[in-house]
């Protein structure tokens, strides 16, 4: 396959769009981290006080390497509760 061979555009418009995309990605990652808390610290503590594990904790015990597990539909019910 032939390379396009163009240098990355460093114009002001490009840099502005790049900054915009990075900001969106930061927000998305922050929201994903909230979702992964599964109801927050209070809900997690409630599970632990009953001797239970959260769903993500159970998955981490089942898979060989939790770093290789890719969660699909992280935002499936986002904003519903």
Protein backbone atom coordinates (compact mmCIF):
# COMPACT_ATOMS: atom_id res chain seq x y z
CA UNK A 1 0.00 0.00 0.00
CA UNK A 2 1.32 3.41 -0.92
CA UNK A 3 1.90 6.00 1.82
CA UNK A 4 0.03 9.27 1.56
CA UNK A 5 3.24 11.14 2.35
CA UNK A 6 1.80 14.29 3.87
CA UNK A 7 3.07 15.99 6.96
CA UNK A 8 0.59 16.65 9.74
CA UNK A 9 -1.03 20.02 9.33
CA UNK A 10 0.03 22.28 12.22
CA UNK A 11 -2.25 25.19 11.35
CA UNK A 12 -4.16 27.06 14.04
CA UNK A 13 -7.42 25.42 12.92
CA UNK A 14 -5.86 21.94 13.18
CA UNK A 15 -4.47 22.63 16.66
CA UNK A 16 -7.83 23.99 17.79
CA UNK A 17 -9.63 20.85 16.56
CA UNK A 18 -6.98 18.64 18.16
CA UNK A 19 -7.45 20.40 21.50
CA UNK A 20 -11.22 20.02 21.19
CA UNK A 21 -10.90 16.26 20.56
CA UNK A 22 -8.48 15.82 23.48
CA UNK A 23 -10.94 17.64 25.76
CA UNK A 24 -13.77 15.34 24.67
CA UNK A 25 -11.55 12.31 25.31
CA UNK A 26 -10.68 13.58 28.82
CA UNK A 27 -14.39 13.98 29.61
CA UNK A 28 -15.22 10.53 28.22
CA UNK A 29 -12.46 8.91 30.30
CA UNK A 30 -13.66 10.72 33.44
CA UNK A 31 -17.23 9.52 32.87
CA UNK A 32 -16.02 5.97 32.18
CA UNK A 33 -14.12 6.02 35.49
CA UNK A 34 -17.34 7.08 37.27
CA UNK A 35 -19.32 4.30 35.58
CA UNK A 36 -16.69 1.75 36.58
CA UNK A 37 -17.24 2.74 40.23
CA UNK A 38 -20.62 0.99 39.91
CA UNK A 39 -22.70 3.26 42.11
CA UNK A 40 -19.81 4.87 43.94
CA UNK A 41 -17.80 4.12 47.03
CA UNK A 42 -20.90 3.86 49.22
CA UNK A 43 -22.44 1.13 47.05
CA UNK A 44 -19.15 -0.76 46.89
CA UNK A 45 -18.78 -0.60 50.67
CA UNK A 46 -22.35 -1.90 51.06
CA UNK A 47 -21.47 -4.95 48.94
CA UNK A 48 -18.28 -5.54 50.89
CA UNK A 49 -20.08 -5.24 54.26
CA UNK A 50 -22.34 -8.12 53.16
CA UNK A 51 -19.30 -10.19 52.21
CA UNK A 52 -20.01 -9.75 48.49
CA UNK A 53 -17.86 -8.64 45.58
CA UNK A 54 -18.94 -6.18 42.90
CA UNK A 55 -19.50 -7.49 39.38
CA UNK A 56 -16.16 -6.12 38.20
CA UNK A 57 -14.35 -7.67 41.17
CA UNK A 58 -15.92 -11.06 40.34
CA UNK A 59 -14.86 -10.74 36.69
CA UNK A 60 -11.30 -9.86 37.74
CA UNK A 61 -11.16 -13.08 39.76
CA UNK A 62 -12.40 -15.14 36.79
CA UNK A 63 -10.14 -13.88 34.02
CA UNK A 64 -6.47 -14.81 33.79
CA UNK A 65 -5.27 -11.23 33.32
CA UNK A 66 -7.74 -8.42 34.12
CA UNK A 67 -5.70 -6.06 31.91
CA UNK A 68 -6.61 -8.14 28.86
CA UNK A 69 -10.36 -8.12 29.57
CA UNK A 70 -12.16 -5.61 27.37
CA UNK A 71 -15.54 -4.54 28.69
CA UNK A 72 -18.17 -3.95 26.01
CA UNK A 73 -21.09 -1.57 26.50
CA UNK A 74 -19.58 0.32 29.43
CA UNK A 75 -22.14 3.08 28.90
CA UNK A 76 -25.08 0.74 28.18
CA UNK A 77 -27.42 2.09 30.90
CA UNK A 78 -25.60 5.41 31.31
CA UNK A 79 -27.86 8.08 32.80
CA UNK A 80 -30.74 5.70 33.51
CA UNK A 81 -30.24 5.45 37.26
